[in-house]
C-alpha cells in the first residue's frame, strides 16, 4: 500500500490514531456496564491506559485513582475490615 501511493504516516498521525482507538475502547467499556467497572474491565483498562482515572466509592468516602492502582486499593480496604469498596466506576465527564 505504501509503495503505490508513497504515503507514509507521520508519528503524529500514528499517535492520533492510537488515541482515537483508546477513546473508542473506553467509551465501549462505559456503555457495557452503564459506567461501572468490573474486575475484568479493570484489567483491560490497564492495558489500554494504566493512568486513566477512575472513581472508587467506599462505605464512608469516595476518591479517584489511576486504573493501575485499583486492585491494590481494593485489597487494602478489604484487609482493613474498617471500610469496604462499594463500586468502581468511570468518572462522569
C-alpha atoms as a PDB file:
ATOM      1  CA  UNK A   1       0.000   0.000   0.000  1.00  0.00           C
ATOM      2  CA  UNK A   2       2.735   2.469   0.873  1.00  0.00           C
ATOM      3  CA  UNK A   3       4.695   1.733  -2.272  1.00  0.00           C
ATOM      4  CA  UNK A   4       1.748   2.522  -4.528  1.00  0.00           C
ATOM      5  CA  UNK A   5       0.846   5.880  -3.026  1.00  0.00           C
ATOM      6  CA  UNK A   6       4.105   6.906  -1.450  1.00  0.00           C
ATOM      7  CA  UNK A   7       2.142   7.837   1.716  1.00  0.00           C
ATOM      8  CA  UNK A   8       3.887   7.257   4.995  1.00  0.00           C
ATOM      9  CA  UNK A   9       2.008   8.119   8.189  1.00  0.00           C
ATOM     10  CA  UNK A  10       3.888  10.505  10.436  1.00  0.00           C
ATOM     11  CA  UNK A  11       4.449   9.794  14.105  1.00  0.00           C
ATOM     12  CA  UNK A  12       1.782  12.380  14.966  1.00  0.00           C
ATOM     13  CA  UNK A  13      -0.769  10.590  12.776  1.00  0.00           C
ATOM     14  CA  UNK A  14       0.046   7.281  14.441  1.00  0.00           C
ATOM     15  CA  UNK A  15      -0.380   8.813  17.896  1.00  0.00           C
ATOM     16  CA  UNK A  16      -3.707  10.401  16.913  1.00  0.00           C
ATOM     17  CA  UNK A  17      -4.998   7.073  15.595  1.00  0.00           C
ATOM     18  CA  UNK A  18      -3.911   5.297  18.783  1.00  0.00           C
ATOM     19  CA  UNK A  19      -5.599   7.969  20.933  1.00  0.00           C
ATOM     20  CA  UNK A  20      -8.838   7.664  18.931  1.00  0.00           C
ATOM     21  CA  UNK A  21      -8.702   3.888  19.283  1.00  0.00           C
ATOM     22  CA  UNK A  22      -8.206   4.157  23.078  1.00  0.00           C
ATOM     23  CA  UNK A  23     -11.116   6.620  23.359  1.00  0.00           C
ATOM     24  CA  UNK A  24     -13.339   4.262  21.355  1.00  0.00           C
ATOM     25  CA  UNK A  25     -12.469   1.273  23.544  1.00  0.00           C
ATOM     26  CA  UNK A  26     -13.017   3.204  26.763  1.00  0.00           C
ATOM     27  CA  UNK A  27     -16.384   4.505  25.518  1.00  0.00           C
ATOM     28  CA  UNK A  28     -17.383   0.949  24.629  1.00  0.00           C
ATOM     29  CA  UNK A  29     -16.485  -0.200  28.154  1.00  0.00           C
ATOM     30  CA  UNK A  30     -18.509   2.655  29.654  1.00  0.00           C
ATOM     31  CA  UNK A  31     -21.548   1.567  27.660  1.00  0.00           C
ATOM     32  CA  UNK A  32     -21.182  -2.126  28.599  1.00  0.00           C
ATOM     33  CA  UNK A  33     -21.940  -1.734  32.316  1.00  0.00           C
ATOM     34  CA  UNK A  34     -23.555   1.719  32.415  1.00  0.00           C
ATOM     35  CA  UNK A  35     -20.372   3.333  33.735  1.00  0.00           C
ATOM     36  CA  UNK A  36     -19.496   0.749  36.380  1.00  0.00           C
ATOM     37  CA  UNK A  37     -16.254  -1.198  36.078  1.00  0.00           C
ATOM     38  CA  UNK A  38     -15.922  -4.928  36.659  1.00  0.00           C
ATOM     39  CA  UNK A  39     -12.693  -6.657  37.659  1.00  0.00           C
ATOM     40  CA  UNK A  40     -12.201  -7.914  34.100  1.00  0.00           C
ATOM     41  CA  UNK A  41     -12.730  -4.414  32.726  1.00  0.00           C
ATOM     42  CA  UNK A  42     -10.040  -3.018  35.048  1.00  0.00           C
ATOM     43  CA  UNK A  43      -7.532  -5.459  33.591  1.00  0.00           C
ATOM     44  CA  UNK A  44      -8.485  -4.387  30.052  1.00  0.00           C
ATOM     45  CA  UNK A  45      -8.386  -0.708  31.006  1.00  0.00           C
ATOM     46  CA  UNK A  46      -4.890  -1.055  32.497  1.00  0.00           C
ATOM     47  CA  UNK A  47      -3.663  -2.496  29.181  1.00  0.00           C
ATOM     48  CA  UNK A  48      -5.240   0.405  27.252  1.00  0.00           C
ATOM     49  CA  UNK A  49      -4.327   3.271  29.591  1.00  0.00           C
ATOM     50  CA  UNK A  50      -2.896   2.454  33.049  1.00  0.00           C
ATOM     51  CA  UNK A  51      -3.116   6.100  34.186  1.00  0.00           C
ATOM     52  CA  UNK A  52      -6.817   6.510  33.329  1.00  0.00           C
ATOM     53  CA  UNK A  53      -8.517   7.933  36.427  1.00  0.00           C
ATOM     54  CA  UNK A  54     -11.486   6.021  37.862  1.00  0.00           C
ATOM     55  CA  UNK A  55     -13.804   6.679  40.794  1.00  0.00           C
ATOM     56  CA  UNK A  56     -13.780   4.344  43.803  1.00  0.00           C
ATOM     57  CA  UNK A  57     -16.765   4.636  46.130  1.00  0.00           C
ATOM     58  CA  UNK A  58     -16.428   3.195  49.612  1.00  0.00           C
ATOM     59  CA  UNK A  59     -18.793   2.993  52.562  1.00  0.00           C
ATOM     60  CA  UNK A  60     -17.630   6.296  54.009  1.00  0.00           C
ATOM     61  CA  UNK A  61     -15.765   8.102  51.243  1.00  0.00           C
ATOM     62  CA  UNK A  62     -15.052   8.348  47.542  1.00  0.00           C
ATOM     63  CA  UNK A  63     -11.901   9.182  45.656  1.00  0.00           C
ATOM     64  CA  UNK A  64     -10.204   8.871  42.298  1.00  0.00           C
ATOM     65  CA  UNK A  65      -7.133   6.852  41.460  1.00  0.00           C
ATOM     66  CA  UNK A  66      -5.358   5.534  38.358  1.00  0.00           C
ATOM     67  CA  UNK A  67      -6.717   2.282  36.918  1.00  0.00           C
ATOM     68  CA  UNK A  68      -3.405   0.536  37.591  1.00  0.00           C
ATOM     69  CA  UNK A  69      -3.855   1.046  41.369  1.00  0.00           C
ATOM     70  CA  UNK A  70      -7.447  -0.156  41.739  1.00  0.00           C
ATOM     71  CA  UNK A  71      -6.655  -3.782  42.640  1.00  0.00           C
ATOM     72  CA  UNK A  72      -4.159  -2.673  45.293  1.00  0.00           C
ATOM     73  CA  UNK A  73      -6.546  -0.124  46.818  1.00  0.00           C
ATOM     74  CA  UNK A  74      -9.390  -2.670  46.955  1.00  0.00           C
ATOM     75  CA  UNK A  75      -7.089  -5.170  48.702  1.00  0.00           C
ATOM     76  CA  UNK A  76      -6.124  -2.551  51.295  1.00  0.00           C
ATOM     77  CA  UNK A  77      -9.762  -1.720  52.046  1.00  0.00           C
ATOM     78  CA  UNK A  78     -10.742  -5.392  52.270  1.00  0.00           C
ATOM     79  CA  UNK A  79      -7.829  -6.161  54.602  1.00  0.00           C
ATOM     80  CA  UNK A  80      -8.605  -3.257  56.933  1.00  0.00           C
ATOM     81  CA  UNK A  81     -12.092  -4.508  57.900  1.00  0.00           C
ATOM     82  CA  UNK A  82     -12.963  -0.879  58.716  1.00  0.00           C
ATOM     83  CA  UNK A  83     -14.456   0.127  55.381  1.00  0.00           C
ATOM     84  CA  UNK A  84     -15.397  -1.530  52.114  1.00  0.00           C
ATOM     85  CA  UNK A  85     -15.381  -0.725  48.417  1.00  0.00           C
ATOM     86  CA  UNK A  86     -18.915  -0.268  47.158  1.00  0.00           C
ATOM     87  CA  UNK A  87     -18.084   0.069  43.472  1.00  0.00           C
ATOM     88  CA  UNK A  88     -15.605   1.306  40.920  1.00  0.00           C
ATOM     89  CA  UNK A  89     -16.831   3.435  38.028  1.00  0.00           C
ATOM     90  CA  UNK A  90     -15.783   5.793  35.279  1.00  0.00           C
ATOM     91  CA  UNK A  91     -15.719   9.468  36.168  1.00  0.00           C
ATOM     92  CA  UNK A  92     -18.641  11.290  34.592  1.00  0.00           C
ATOM     93  CA  UNK A  93     -17.496  13.891  32.124  1.00  0.00           C
END
